Amino acid sequence: MTGQSSTKTFSFSNYRLQSGIVLPEVTIGYATLGTLAPDRGNAVLITHGNTSGPQMIDPGGSTGEGSWNELVGPGKAVDTRRYFAICPNMLGSSYGSTNAASIDPTTGQPYGPRFPDINVSDIVGTQRRLLDHLGIDRLVAIVGPSYGGFQAFQWAVNYPDAMKGIAAIVTSPLVPRERSEGNVARLLASLSNDPNWNGGDYYDRGGVEATMTEIRIATLKTYGIEDRLKATMSDPTHIEAAIREEAARWASGFDANSLIILAKALRGFDVTAQFGKIKSKVLFVLSRTDKLFPPDIAPGVMQGLKAAGVDADYFLLDSELGHSASGLDAHKWAPRLKQFLDGL
């Protein structure tokens, strides 16, 4: 199947987190495009951003980080006539995987704020289990933007023999601890002002959608949504209304506790000291106008990779669309991604 993505789930029991805590039941939602080859050697893992999910590879999908439907599909950079694309939802996220809204089998109630702390290794560990289930031993590549890039880097150091290449896009191999701690604190401060928050136990109190909408508006503006909308709108009130509409649509489907879980998972994320473990080729791509991962981080990252003997290449995406550029300006770097995959 090369058209519409096919969404499935995979469940398993007794998953031991890095903390030692065991999750009794784990379900991972995932989408696929293309056909897995008989030798299972044509799989490309697509890892999604913080607030998107497997829908990022859907032909009609839309995400704040920019849908990747221009990059994944028949005849595209990740050509699904040739490759089997698989996009799993992160553990703790809101689009089909076990998260805070899931029922804790030990209590019969939603986990809520009691969902255990996880890290990026825990997230990629569930993806490893999924690939084992599908009989996929080695990937052609792992490709992902933003939080998906964190996952790609984590994969490369945790499972060095599991892929030929990683393409880490609008991202970094580390998040400074003060930045991740600050993100968690800001989210908790905003959410705890919501009358329904109740310490994260809001599932039977009407939810916190209004606050989530405001959080999303701020995020979209950081991602560069105003520059994107100015291409087709000139009235500032229309632009604000369009941003609010997109934010509200997202807030209606994304769980607030998932935001907290995924923000906490980045505390201490730093794989730079483990670059020496990487055996795959690396393509590192940044966007010229990205405020979250500006191009001035590239020399340090590339120097670190090269010093560790990693076969790494850097590409600067020349876009006005900030953090959303990887999807919205896909045509500007798709040839480079195709070249990278062909070279593997």
C-alpha atoms as a PDB file:
ATOM      1  CA  MET A   1       0.000   0.000   0.000  1.00  0.00           C
ATOM      2  CA  THR A   2       1.520   3.325  -1.028  1.00  0.00           C
ATOM      3  CA  GLY A   3      -1.397   5.765  -0.653  1.00  0.00           C
ATOM      4  CA  GLN A   4      -3.147   6.502   2.645  1.00  0.00           C
ATOM      5  CA  SER A   5      -1.142   5.491   5.706  1.00  0.00           C
ATOM      6  CA  SER A   6      -2.304   2.518   7.691  1.00  0.00           C
ATOM      7  CA  THR A   7      -2.608   3.095  11.466  1.00  0.00           C
ATOM      8  CA  LYS A   8      -2.154   0.190  13.855  1.00  0.00           C
ATOM      9  CA  THR A   9      -1.231  -0.515  17.456  1.00  0.00           C
ATOM     10  CA  PHE A  10       1.243  -2.860  19.102  1.00  0.00           C
ATOM     11  CA  SER A  11       0.920  -3.839  22.775  1.00  0.00           C
ATOM     12  CA  PHE A  12       3.267  -5.599  25.172  1.00  0.00           C
ATOM     13  CA  SER A  13       3.602  -6.152  28.913  1.00  0.00           C
ATOM     14  CA  ASN A  14       6.020  -5.310  31.710  1.00  0.00           C
ATOM     15  CA  TYR A  15       8.187  -2.633  30.110  1.00  0.00           C
ATOM     16  CA  ARG A  16      11.042  -1.669  32.419  1.00  0.00           C
ATOM     17  CA  LEU A  17      11.889   2.027  32.232  1.00  0.00           C
ATOM     18  CA  GLN A  18      15.412   3.393  32.734  1.00  0.00           C
ATOM     19  CA  SER A  19      14.286   4.417  36.240  1.00  0.00           C
ATOM     20  CA  GLY A  20      13.566   0.774  37.089  1.00  0.00           C
ATOM     21  CA  ILE A  21       9.812   1.365  37.235  1.00  0.00           C
ATOM     22  CA  VAL A  22       7.840  -1.225  35.251  1.00  0.00           C
ATOM     23  CA  LEU A  23       4.838  -0.231  33.134  1.00  0.00           C
ATOM     24  CA  PRO A  24       2.477  -3.235  33.306  1.00  0.00           C
ATOM     25  CA  GLU A  25       0.976  -2.622  29.843  1.00  0.00           C
ATOM     26  CA  VAL A  26       2.292  -0.544  26.935  1.00  0.00           C
ATOM     27  CA  THR A  27       0.545   0.202  23.642  1.00  0.00           C
ATOM     28  CA  ILE A  28       2.349   2.006  20.821  1.00  0.00           C
ATOM     29  CA  GLY A  29       0.320   3.497  17.975  1.00  0.00           C
ATOM     30  CA  TYR A  30       2.037   3.696  14.608  1.00  0.00           C
ATOM     31  CA  ALA A  31       1.375   4.505  10.962  1.00  0.00           C
ATOM     32  CA  THR A  32       2.980   2.898   7.930  1.00  0.00           C
ATOM     33  CA  LEU A  33       3.262   3.761   4.252  1.00  0.00           C
ATOM     34  CA  GLY A  34       4.613   1.461   1.561  1.00  0.00           C
ATOM     35  CA  THR A  35       5.282  -2.278   1.647  1.00  0.00           C
ATOM     36  CA  LEU A  36       7.796  -4.117   3.819  1.00  0.00           C
ATOM     37  CA  ALA A  37      10.177  -6.066   1.573  1.00  0.00           C
ATOM     38  CA  PRO A  38      10.316  -9.873   1.958  1.00  0.00           C
ATOM     39  CA  ASP A  39      13.812  -9.563   3.486  1.00  0.00           C
ATOM     40  CA  ARG A  40      12.508  -6.717   5.757  1.00  0.00           C
ATOM     41  CA  GLY A  41      15.469  -4.592   4.698  1.00  0.00           C
ATOM     42  CA  ASN A  42      13.714  -1.482   3.312  1.00  0.00           C
ATOM     43  CA  ALA A  43      12.319   0.161   6.464  1.00  0.00           C
ATOM     44  CA  VAL A  44      12.772   3.857   7.247  1.00  0.00           C
ATOM     45  CA  LEU A  45      11.742   4.974  10.736  1.00  0.00           C
ATOM     46  CA  ILE A  46      10.183   8.442  10.829  1.00  0.00           C
ATOM     47  CA  THR A  47      10.280   9.959  14.330  1.00  0.00           C
ATOM     48  CA  HIS A  48       7.793  12.752  14.997  1.00  0.00           C
ATOM     49  CA  GLY A  49       8.071  16.094  16.780  1.00  0.00           C
ATOM     50  CA  ASN A  50       6.973  17.046  20.279  1.00  0.00           C
ATOM     51  CA  THR A  51       3.326  17.810  19.549  1.00  0.00           C
ATOM     52  CA  SER A  52       2.636  15.799  16.415  1.00  0.00           C
ATOM     53  CA  GLY A  53       2.296  12.086  15.854  1.00  0.00           C
ATOM     54  CA  PRO A  54       2.045   9.404  13.190  1.00  0.00           C
ATOM     55  CA  GLN A  55      -0.304  11.679  11.190  1.00  0.00           C
ATOM     56  CA  MET A  56       2.770  13.673  10.133  1.00  0.00           C
ATOM     57  CA  ILE A  57       3.285  11.178   7.270  1.00  0.00           C
ATOM     58  CA  ASP A  58      -0.389  11.070   6.218  1.00  0.00           C
ATOM     59  CA  PRO A  59      -1.067  12.382   2.714  1.00  0.00           C
ATOM     60  CA  GLY A  60      -3.551  14.826   4.277  1.00  0.00           C
ATOM     61  CA  GLY A  61      -1.801  15.186   7.628  1.00  0.00           C
ATOM     62  CA  SER A  62      -1.073  18.514   9.296  1.00  0.00           C
ATOM     63  CA  THR A  63       1.102  19.242  12.312  1.00  0.00           C
ATOM     64  CA  GLY A  64       2.518  22.339  13.955  1.00  0.00           C
ATOM     65  CA  GLU A  65       6.007  21.249  13.009  1.00  0.00           C
ATOM     66  CA  GLY A  66       4.771  21.033   9.424  1.00  0.00           C
ATOM     67  CA  SER A  67       3.350  17.889   7.851  1.00  0.00           C
ATOM     68  CA  TRP A  68       5.885  15.657   6.144  1.00  0.00           C
ATOM     69  CA  ASN A  69       3.501  14.525   3.416  1.00  0.00           C
ATOM     70  CA  GLU A  70       5.766  16.264   0.883  1.00  0.00           C
ATOM     71  CA  LEU A  71       8.693  14.119   2.013  1.00  0.00           C
ATOM     72  CA  VAL A  72       7.139  10.686   2.528  1.00  0.00           C
ATOM     73  CA  GLY A  73       5.144   9.028  -0.253  1.00  0.00           C
ATOM     74  CA  PRO A  74       5.339   7.588  -3.755  1.00  0.00           C
ATOM     75  CA  GLY A  75       8.126   9.317  -5.716  1.00  0.00           C
ATOM     76  CA  LYS A  76       9.083  11.554  -2.767  1.00  0.00           C
ATOM     77  CA  ALA A  77      12.366  11.733  -0.834  1.00  0.00           C
ATOM     78  CA  VAL A  78      11.307   8.782   1.342  1.00  0.00           C
ATOM     79  CA  ASP A  79       9.882   6.983  -1.691  1.00  0.00           C
ATOM     80  CA  THR A  80       7.226   4.536  -0.479  1.00  0.00           C
ATOM     81  CA  ARG A  81       7.409   2.596  -3.768  1.00  0.00           C
ATOM     82  CA  ARG A  82      10.857   1.601  -2.541  1.00  0.00           C
ATOM     83  CA  TYR A  83      10.876   2.097   1.235  1.00  0.00           C
ATOM     84  CA  PHE A  84       8.558   0.980   4.027  1.00  0.00           C
ATOM     85  CA  ALA A  85       7.989   4.102   6.149  1.00  0.00           C
ATOM     86  CA  ILE A  86       6.971   3.555   9.744  1.00  0.00           C
ATOM     87  CA  CYS A  87       6.085   6.374  12.145  1.00  0.00           C
ATOM     88  CA  PRO A  88       5.460   5.318  15.769  1.00  0.00           C
ATOM     89  CA  ASN A  89       3.758   7.554  18.316  1.00  0.00           C
ATOM     90  CA  MET A  90       6.072   8.333  21.230  1.00  0.00           C
ATOM     91  CA  LEU A  91       5.437   6.658  24.569  1.00  0.00           C
ATOM     92  CA  GLY A  92       3.660   9.291  26.684  1.00  0.00           C
ATOM     93  CA  SER A  93       2.261  11.142  23.652  1.00  0.00           C
ATOM     94  CA  SER A  94      -1.390  11.582  22.739  1.00  0.00           C
ATOM     95  CA  TYR A  95      -1.869   9.860  19.398  1.00  0.00           C
ATOM     96  CA  GLY A  96      -2.322   6.179  20.126  1.00  0.00           C
ATOM     97  CA  SER A  97       0.378   5.316  22.672  1.00  0.00           C
ATOM     98  CA  THR A  98       0.221   4.693  26.419  1.00  0.00           C
ATOM     99  CA  ASN A  99       0.129   8.049  28.198  1.00  0.00           C
ATOM    100  CA  ALA A 100      -1.280   9.795  31.264  1.00  0.00           C
ATOM    101  CA  ALA A 101      -4.880   9.457  30.008  1.00  0.00           C
ATOM    102  CA  SER A 102      -4.438   5.671  29.739  1.00  0.00           C
ATOM    103  CA  ILE A 103      -5.898   3.472  32.469  1.00  0.00           C
ATOM    104  CA  ASP A 104      -3.363   2.252  35.014  1.00  0.00           C
ATOM    105  CA  PRO A 105      -4.147  -1.495  35.284  1.00  0.00           C
ATOM    106  CA  THR A 106      -3.185  -1.477  38.964  1.00  0.00           C
ATOM    107  CA  THR A 107      -5.784   1.180  39.934  1.00  0.00           C
ATOM    108  CA  GLY A 108      -8.377   1.091  37.143  1.00  0.00           C
ATOM    109  CA  GLN A 109      -8.053   4.905  36.911  1.00  0.00           C
ATOM    110  CA  PRO A 110      -6.200   7.146  34.450  1.00  0.00           C
ATOM    111  CA  TYR A 111      -2.527   7.534  35.356  1.00  0.00           C
ATOM    112  CA  GLY A 112      -2.864  11.331  35.291  1.00  0.00           C
ATOM    113  CA  PRO A 113       0.057  13.027  37.080  1.00  0.00           C
ATOM    114  CA  ARG A 114       1.162   9.616  38.417  1.00  0.00           C
ATOM    115  CA  PHE A 115       2.437   8.517  35.004  1.00  0.00           C
ATOM    116  CA  PRO A 116       6.085   7.612  35.671  1.00  0.00           C
ATOM    117  CA  ASP A 117       8.889   9.864  34.483  1.00  0.00           C
ATOM    118  CA  ILE A 118      10.396   8.641  31.209  1.00  0.00           C
ATOM    119  CA  ASN A 119      13.375   9.709  29.102  1.00  0.00           C
ATOM    120  CA  VAL A 120      14.289   9.597  25.413  1.00  0.00           C
ATOM    121  CA  SER A 121      15.913   6.157  25.836  1.00  0.00           C
ATOM    122  CA  ASP A 122      12.594   4.818  27.163  1.00  0.00           C
ATOM    123  CA  ILE A 123      10.808   6.238  24.115  1.00  0.00           C
ATOM    124  CA  VAL A 124      13.201   4.704  21.577  1.00  0.00           C
ATOM    125  CA  GLY A 125      13.210   1.454  23.544  1.00  0.00           C
ATOM    126  CA  THR A 126       9.489   1.012  22.816  1.00  0.00           C
ATOM    127  CA  GLN A 127      10.223   1.630  19.121  1.00  0.00           C
ATOM    128  CA  ARG A 128      12.913  -1.064  19.228  1.00  0.00           C
ATOM    129  CA  ARG A 129      10.280  -3.453  20.656  1.00  0.00           C
ATOM    130  CA  LEU A 130       7.896  -2.504  17.843  1.00  0.00           C
ATOM    131  CA  LEU A 131      10.529  -3.175  15.173  1.00  0.00           C
ATOM    132  CA  ASP A 132      11.384  -6.516  16.794  1.00  0.00           C
ATOM    133  CA  HIS A 133       7.672  -7.377  16.638  1.00  0.00           C
ATOM    134  CA  LEU A 134       7.649  -6.513  12.912  1.00  0.00           C
ATOM    135  CA  GLY A 135      10.779  -8.598  12.316  1.00  0.00           C
ATOM    136  CA  ILE A 136      12.829  -5.545  11.308  1.00  0.00           C
ATOM    137  CA  ASP A 137      16.401  -6.052  12.453  1.00  0.00           C
ATOM    138  CA  ARG A 138      18.109  -3.177  10.657  1.00  0.00           C
ATOM    139  CA  LEU A 139      16.727   0.084   9.300  1.00  0.00           C
ATOM    140  CA  VAL A 140      17.836   1.914   6.204  1.00  0.00           C
ATOM    141  CA  ALA A 141      17.565   5.155   8.172  1.00  0.00           C
ATOM    142  CA  ILE A 142      15.893   7.098  10.954  1.00  0.00           C
ATOM    143  CA  VAL A 143      14.635  10.518   9.914  1.00  0.00           C
ATOM    144  CA  GLY A 144      12.962  13.042  12.207  1.00  0.00           C
ATOM    145  CA  PRO A 145      12.449  16.735  12.955  1.00  0.00           C
ATOM    146  CA  SER A 146      12.797  18.503  16.313  1.00  0.00           C
ATOM    147  CA  TYR A 147      11.962  16.005  19.097  1.00  0.00           C
ATOM    148  CA  GLY A 148      12.160  13.398  16.320  1.00  0.00           C
ATOM    149  CA  GLY A 149      15.796  14.422  15.859  1.00  0.00           C
ATOM    150  CA  PHE A 150      16.465  13.818  19.570  1.00  0.00           C
ATOM    151  CA  GLN A 151      15.085  10.316  19.047  1.00  0.00           C
ATOM    152  CA  ALA A 152      17.257   9.769  15.951  1.00  0.00           C
ATOM    153  CA  PHE A 153      20.406  10.738  17.865  1.00  0.00           C
ATOM    154  CA  GLN A 154      19.384   8.561  20.836  1.00  0.00           C
ATOM    155  CA  TRP A 155      18.794   5.596  18.505  1.00  0.00           C
ATOM    156  CA  ALA A 156      22.241   6.057  16.948  1.00  0.00           C
ATOM    157  CA  VAL A 157      24.028   5.813  20.317  1.00  0.00           C
ATOM    158  CA  ASN A 158      21.745   3.196  21.956  1.00  0.00           C
ATOM    159  CA  TYR A 159      21.527   0.837  18.964  1.00  0.00           C
ATOM    160  CA  PRO A 160      24.552   1.670  16.774  1.00  0.00           C
ATOM    161  CA  ASP A 161      24.100  -1.349  14.479  1.00  0.00           C
ATOM    162  CA  ALA A 162      20.373  -0.825  13.935  1.00  0.00           C
ATOM    163  CA  MET A 163      20.540   1.670  11.051  1.00  0.00           C
ATOM    164  CA  LYS A 164      22.726   2.717   8.123  1.00  0.00           C
ATOM    165  CA  GLY A 165      21.995   6.418   8.575  1.00  0.00           C
ATOM    166  CA  ILE A 166      20.158   9.036  10.615  1.00  0.00           C
ATOM    167  CA  ALA A 167      18.864  12.376   9.382  1.00  0.00           C
ATOM    168  CA  ALA A 168      18.331  14.701  12.349  1.00  0.00           C
ATOM    169  CA  ILE A 169      16.392  17.796  11.295  1.00  0.00           C
ATOM    170  CA  VAL A 170      15.844  21.176  13.066  1.00  0.00           C
ATOM    171  CA  THR A 171      17.142  19.635  16.287  1.00  0.00           C
ATOM    172  CA  SER A 172      20.195  19.105  18.490  1.00  0.00           C
ATOM    173  CA  PRO A 173      22.023  16.229  20.204  1.00  0.00           C
ATOM    174  CA  LEU A 174      21.520  17.935  23.565  1.00  0.00           C
ATOM    175  CA  VAL A 175      19.047  20.143  25.398  1.00  0.00           C
ATOM    176  CA  PRO A 176      20.662  22.363  28.054  1.00  0.00           C
ATOM    177  CA  ARG A 177      19.235  21.342  31.433  1.00  0.00           C
ATOM    178  CA  GLU A 178      18.179  24.898  32.297  1.00  0.00           C
ATOM    179  CA  ARG A 179      16.173  25.025  29.066  1.00  0.00           C
ATOM    180  CA  SER A 180      14.357  21.735  29.698  1.00  0.00           C
ATOM    181  CA  GLU A 181      13.732  22.545  33.382  1.00  0.00           C
ATOM    182  CA  GLY A 182      12.460  25.991  32.325  1.00  0.00           C
ATOM    183  CA  ASN A 183      10.050  24.434  29.817  1.00  0.00           C
ATOM    184  CA  VAL A 184       8.604  22.097  32.464  1.00  0.00           C
ATOM    185  CA  ALA A 185       8.234  24.957  34.972  1.00  0.00           C
ATOM    186  CA  ARG A 186       6.513  27.239  32.441  1.00  0.00           C
ATOM    187  CA  LEU A 187       4.060  24.533  31.360  1.00  0.00           C
ATOM    188  CA  LEU A 188       3.175  23.648  34.943  1.00  0.00           C
ATOM    189  CA  ALA A 189       2.759  27.334  35.842  1.00  0.00           C
ATOM    190  CA  SER A 190       0.340  27.904  32.931  1.00  0.00           C
ATOM    191  CA  LEU A 191      -1.646  24.717  33.504  1.00  0.00           C
ATOM    192  CA  SER A 192      -1.928  25.076  37.265  1.00  0.00           C
ATOM    193  CA  ASN A 193      -3.702  28.409  36.716  1.00  0.00           C
ATOM    194  CA  ASP A 194      -6.515  26.551  34.941  1.00  0.00           C
ATOM    195  CA  PRO A 195      -9.489  26.033  37.319  1.00  0.00           C
ATOM    196  CA  ASN A 196      -9.896  22.453  36.039  1.00  0.00           C
ATOM    197  CA  TRP A 197      -6.235  21.436  36.403  1.00  0.00           C
ATOM    198  CA  ASN A 198      -6.587  19.725  39.807  1.00  0.00           C
ATOM    199  CA  GLY A 199      -2.901  18.794  39.934  1.00  0.00           C
ATOM    200  CA  GLY A 200      -3.196  16.978  36.593  1.00  0.00           C
ATOM    201  CA  ASP A 201      -6.321  14.988  37.518  1.00  0.00           C
ATOM    202  CA  TYR A 202      -8.614  16.912  35.162  1.00  0.00           C
ATOM    203  CA  TYR A 203     -10.132  14.042  33.175  1.00  0.00           C
ATOM    204  CA  ASP A 204     -13.506  14.175  34.927  1.00  0.00           C
ATOM    205  CA  ARG A 205     -13.481  17.967  35.374  1.00  0.00           C
ATOM    206  CA  GLY A 206     -13.973  19.145  31.803  1.00  0.00           C
ATOM    207  CA  GLY A 207     -10.320  19.273  30.747  1.00  0.00           C
ATOM    208  CA  VAL A 208      -7.978  22.232  30.277  1.00  0.00           C
ATOM    209  CA  GLU A 209      -8.540  22.987  26.603  1.00  0.00           C
ATOM    210  CA  ALA A 210      -8.673  26.789  26.943  1.00  0.00           C
ATOM    211  CA  THR A 211      -5.245  26.879  28.610  1.00  0.00           C
ATOM    212  CA  MET A 212      -3.850  24.383  26.090  1.00  0.00           C
ATOM    213  CA  THR A 213      -5.026  26.673  23.271  1.00  0.00           C
ATOM    214  CA  GLU A 214      -3.114  29.620  24.781  1.00  0.00           C
ATOM    215  CA  ILE A 215       0.021  27.477  25.254  1.00  0.00           C
ATOM    216  CA  ARG A 216      -0.275  26.352  21.632  1.00  0.00           C
ATOM    217  CA  ILE A 217      -0.635  29.899  20.289  1.00  0.00           C
ATOM    218  CA  ALA A 218       2.659  30.841  21.975  1.00  0.00           C
ATOM    219  CA  THR A 219       4.344  27.688  20.606  1.00  0.00           C
ATOM    220  CA  LEU A 220       3.134  28.252  17.040  1.00  0.00           C
ATOM    221  CA  LYS A 221       4.461  31.808  17.153  1.00  0.00           C
ATOM    222  CA  THR A 222       7.867  30.470  18.259  1.00  0.00           C
ATOM    223  CA  TYR A 223       7.730  27.989  15.357  1.00  0.00           C
ATOM    224  CA  GLY A 224       7.270  30.915  12.928  1.00  0.00           C
ATOM    225  CA  ILE A 225       3.572  30.641  12.052  1.00  0.00           C
ATOM    226  CA  GLU A 226       3.133  34.400  11.505  1.00  0.00           C
ATOM    227  CA  ASP A 227       5.671  34.436   8.658  1.00  0.00           C
ATOM    228  CA  ARG A 228       3.921  31.425   7.123  1.00  0.00           C
ATOM    229  CA  LEU A 229       0.475  33.069   7.246  1.00  0.00           C
ATOM    230  CA  LYS A 230       1.721  36.447   5.966  1.00  0.00           C
ATOM    231  CA  ALA A 231       2.305  34.734   2.626  1.00  0.00           C
ATOM    232  CA  THR A 232      -1.481  34.510   2.147  1.00  0.00           C
ATOM    233  CA  MET A 233      -2.969  37.055   4.615  1.00  0.00           C
ATOM    234  CA  SER A 234      -2.333  40.717   5.304  1.00  0.00           C
ATOM    235  CA  ASP A 235      -4.903  41.634   8.002  1.00  0.00           C
ATOM    236  CA  PRO A 236      -3.363  41.126  11.478  1.00  0.00           C
ATOM    237  CA  THR A 237      -6.768  40.233  12.978  1.00  0.00           C
ATOM    238  CA  HIS A 238      -7.263  37.512  10.356  1.00  0.00           C
ATOM    239  CA  ILE A 239      -3.769  36.171  11.094  1.00  0.00           C
ATOM    240  CA  GLU A 240      -4.498  36.063  14.848  1.00  0.00           C
ATOM    241  CA  ALA A 241      -7.829  34.314  14.202  1.00  0.00           C
ATOM    242  CA  ALA A 242      -6.153  31.717  11.978  1.00  0.00           C
ATOM    243  CA  ILE A 243      -3.482  31.047  14.618  1.00  0.00           C
ATOM    244  CA  ARG A 244      -6.151  30.663  17.320  1.00  0.00           C
ATOM    245  CA  GLU A 245      -8.170  28.303  15.127  1.00  0.00           C
ATOM    246  CA  GLU A 246      -5.135  26.083  14.450  1.00  0.00           C
ATOM    247  CA  ALA A 247      -4.196  26.150  18.155  1.00  0.00           C
ATOM    248  CA  ALA A 248      -7.721  25.218  19.284  1.00  0.00           C
ATOM    249  CA  ARG A 249      -7.869  22.332  16.818  1.00  0.00           C
ATOM    250  CA  TRP A 250      -4.655  20.923  18.273  1.00  0.00           C
ATOM    251  CA  ALA A 251      -5.725  21.561  21.887  1.00  0.00           C
ATOM    252  CA  SER A 252      -8.890  19.526  21.372  1.00  0.00           C
ATOM    253  CA  GLY A 253      -6.829  16.385  20.650  1.00  0.00           C
ATOM    254  CA  PHE A 254      -3.631  16.663  22.685  1.00  0.00           C
ATOM    255  CA  ASP A 255      -3.454  15.775  26.365  1.00  0.00           C
ATOM    256  CA  ALA A 256      -1.939  18.366  28.712  1.00  0.00           C
ATOM    257  CA  ASN A 257      -0.205  15.704  30.784  1.00  0.00           C
ATOM    258  CA  SER A 258       1.509  14.471  27.597  1.00  0.00           C
ATOM    259  CA  LEU A 259       3.083  17.917  27.200  1.00  0.00           C
ATOM    260  CA  ILE A 260       4.485  17.642  30.725  1.00  0.00           C
ATOM    261  CA  ILE A 261       5.647  14.014  30.285  1.00  0.00           C
ATOM    262  CA  LEU A 262       7.527  14.775  27.060  1.00  0.00           C
ATOM    263  CA  ALA A 263       9.033  18.001  28.445  1.00  0.00           C
ATOM    264  CA  LYS A 264      10.285  16.141  31.542  1.00  0.00           C
ATOM    265  CA  ALA A 265      11.717  13.375  29.329  1.00  0.00           C
ATOM    266  CA  LEU A 266      14.241  15.884  27.957  1.00  0.00           C
ATOM    267  CA  ARG A 267      15.767  16.731  31.341  1.00  0.00           C
ATOM    268  CA  GLY A 268      19.389  15.711  30.993  1.00  0.00           C
ATOM    269  CA  PHE A 269      19.092  14.796  27.305  1.00  0.00           C
ATOM    270  CA  ASP A 270      22.647  14.934  25.948  1.00  0.00           C
ATOM    271  CA  VAL A 271      24.221  12.285  23.709  1.00  0.00           C
ATOM    272  CA  THR A 272      27.312  14.323  22.761  1.00  0.00           C
ATOM    273  CA  ALA A 273      29.611  12.326  25.078  1.00  0.00           C
ATOM    274  CA  GLN A 274      28.457   9.143  23.283  1.00  0.00           C
ATOM    275  CA  PHE A 275      29.162  10.277  19.706  1.00  0.00           C
ATOM    276  CA  GLY A 276      31.950   7.682  19.568  1.00  0.00           C
ATOM    277  CA  LYS A 277      29.309   4.911  19.614  1.00  0.00           C
ATOM    278  CA  ILE A 278      27.673   6.121  16.379  1.00  0.00           C
ATOM    279  CA  LYS A 279      28.358   3.826  13.408  1.00  0.00           C
ATOM    280  CA  SER A 280      25.742   5.221  11.013  1.00  0.00           C
ATOM    281  CA  LYS A 281      26.123   8.092   8.602  1.00  0.00           C
ATOM    282  CA  VAL A 282      24.575  11.346   9.852  1.00  0.00           C
ATOM    283  CA  LEU A 283      22.809  14.124   7.965  1.00  0.00           C
ATOM    284  CA  PHE A 284      22.255  17.173  10.180  1.00  0.00           C
ATOM    285  CA  VAL A 285      19.852  19.819   8.841  1.00  0.00           C
ATOM    286  CA  LEU A 286      18.997  23.189  10.415  1.00  0.00           C
ATOM    287  CA  SER A 287      16.691  26.002   9.280  1.00  0.00           C
ATOM    288  CA  ARG A 288      18.226  29.459   8.804  1.00  0.00           C
ATOM    289  CA  THR A 289      15.423  31.213  10.737  1.00  0.00           C
ATOM    290  CA  ASP A 290      14.760  28.616  13.460  1.00  0.00           C
ATOM    291  CA  LYS A 291      14.706  30.289  16.884  1.00  0.00           C
ATOM    292  CA  LEU A 292      14.713  26.954  18.751  1.00  0.00           C
ATOM    293  CA  PHE A 293      17.756  25.421  17.032  1.00  0.00           C
ATOM    294  CA  PRO A 294      19.577  28.284  15.298  1.00  0.00           C
ATOM    295  CA  PRO A 295      22.289  27.570  12.730  1.00  0.00           C
ATOM    296  CA  ASP A 296      25.020  28.807  15.067  1.00  0.00           C
ATOM    297  CA  ILE A 297      24.855  25.445  16.906  1.00  0.00           C
ATOM    298  CA  ALA A 298      25.967  23.612  13.742  1.00  0.00           C
ATOM    299  CA  PRO A 299      29.754  24.098  13.989  1.00  0.00           C
ATOM    300  CA  GLY A 300      29.883  22.658  17.527  1.00  0.00           C
ATOM    301  CA  VAL A 301      27.723  19.662  16.627  1.00  0.00           C
ATOM    302  CA  MET A 302      29.604  18.905  13.405  1.00  0.00           C
ATOM    303  CA  GLN A 303      32.991  19.322  15.080  1.00  0.00           C
ATOM    304  CA  GLY A 304      31.939  16.883  17.834  1.00  0.00           C
ATOM    305  CA  LEU A 305      30.703  14.297  15.314  1.00  0.00           C
ATOM    306  CA  LYS A 306      33.814  14.536  13.135  1.00  0.00           C
ATOM    307  CA  ALA A 307      36.128  14.342  16.186  1.00  0.00           C
ATOM    308  CA  ALA A 308      34.365  11.092  17.143  1.00  0.00           C
ATOM    309  CA  GLY A 309      34.993   9.687  13.657  1.00  0.00           C
ATOM    310  CA  VAL A 310      31.354   9.930  12.536  1.00  0.00           C
ATOM    311  CA  ASP A 311      30.655  10.246   8.798  1.00  0.00           C
ATOM    312  CA  ALA A 312      28.513  13.401   9.101  1.00  0.00           C
ATOM    313  CA  ASP A 313      27.229  16.017   6.691  1.00  0.00           C
ATOM    314  CA  TYR A 314      25.451  19.332   7.329  1.00  0.00           C
ATOM    315  CA  PHE A 315      22.800  21.082   5.258  1.00  0.00           C
ATOM    316  CA  LEU A 316      21.362  24.552   5.920  1.00  0.00           C
ATOM    317  CA  LEU A 317      17.727  24.883   4.902  1.00  0.00           C
ATOM    318  CA  ASP A 318      17.317  28.423   3.556  1.00  0.00           C
ATOM    319  CA  SER A 319      13.795  29.220   4.731  1.00  0.00           C
ATOM    320  CA  GLU A 320      11.827  32.079   6.261  1.00  0.00           C
ATOM    321  CA  LEU A 321       9.555  29.558   8.027  1.00  0.00           C
ATOM    322  CA  GLY A 322      11.604  28.966  11.162  1.00  0.00           C
ATOM    323  CA  HIS A 323      11.102  25.726  13.059  1.00  0.00           C
ATOM    324  CA  SER A 324       8.290  24.617  10.728  1.00  0.00           C
ATOM    325  CA  ALA A 325      10.519  24.743   7.646  1.00  0.00           C
ATOM    326  CA  SER A 326      11.267  21.008   7.417  1.00  0.00           C
ATOM    327  CA  GLY A 327       7.682  20.254   6.414  1.00  0.00           C
ATOM    328  CA  LEU A 328       6.445  23.529   4.957  1.00  0.00           C
ATOM    329  CA  ASP A 329       9.536  24.153   2.831  1.00  0.00           C
ATOM    330  CA  ALA A 330      10.115  20.441   2.202  1.00  0.00           C
ATOM    331  CA  HIS A 331      11.042  21.023  -1.449  1.00  0.00           C
ATOM    332  CA  LYS A 332      14.124  22.992  -0.339  1.00  0.00           C
ATOM    333  CA  TRP A 333      15.810  20.031   1.320  1.00  0.00           C
ATOM    334  CA  ALA A 334      13.991  16.956  -0.059  1.00  0.00           C
ATOM    335  CA  PRO A 335      16.663  16.467  -2.793  1.00  0.00           C
ATOM    336  CA  ARG A 336      19.357  16.435  -0.099  1.00  0.00           C
ATOM    337  CA  LEU A 337      17.435  13.840   1.920  1.00  0.00           C
ATOM    338  CA  LYS A 338      16.877  11.704  -1.181  1.00  0.00           C
ATOM    339  CA  GLN A 339      20.596  11.883  -1.990  1.00  0.00           C
ATOM    340  CA  PHE A 340      21.425  10.862   1.591  1.00  0.00           C
ATOM    341  CA  LEU A 341      19.053   7.846   1.495  1.00  0.00           C
ATOM    342  CA  ASP A 342      20.290   6.812  -1.970  1.00  0.00           C
ATOM    343  CA  GLY A 343      23.856   6.894  -0.648  1.00  0.00           C
ATOM    344  CA  LEU A 344      23.027   4.366   2.070  1.00  0.00           C
END
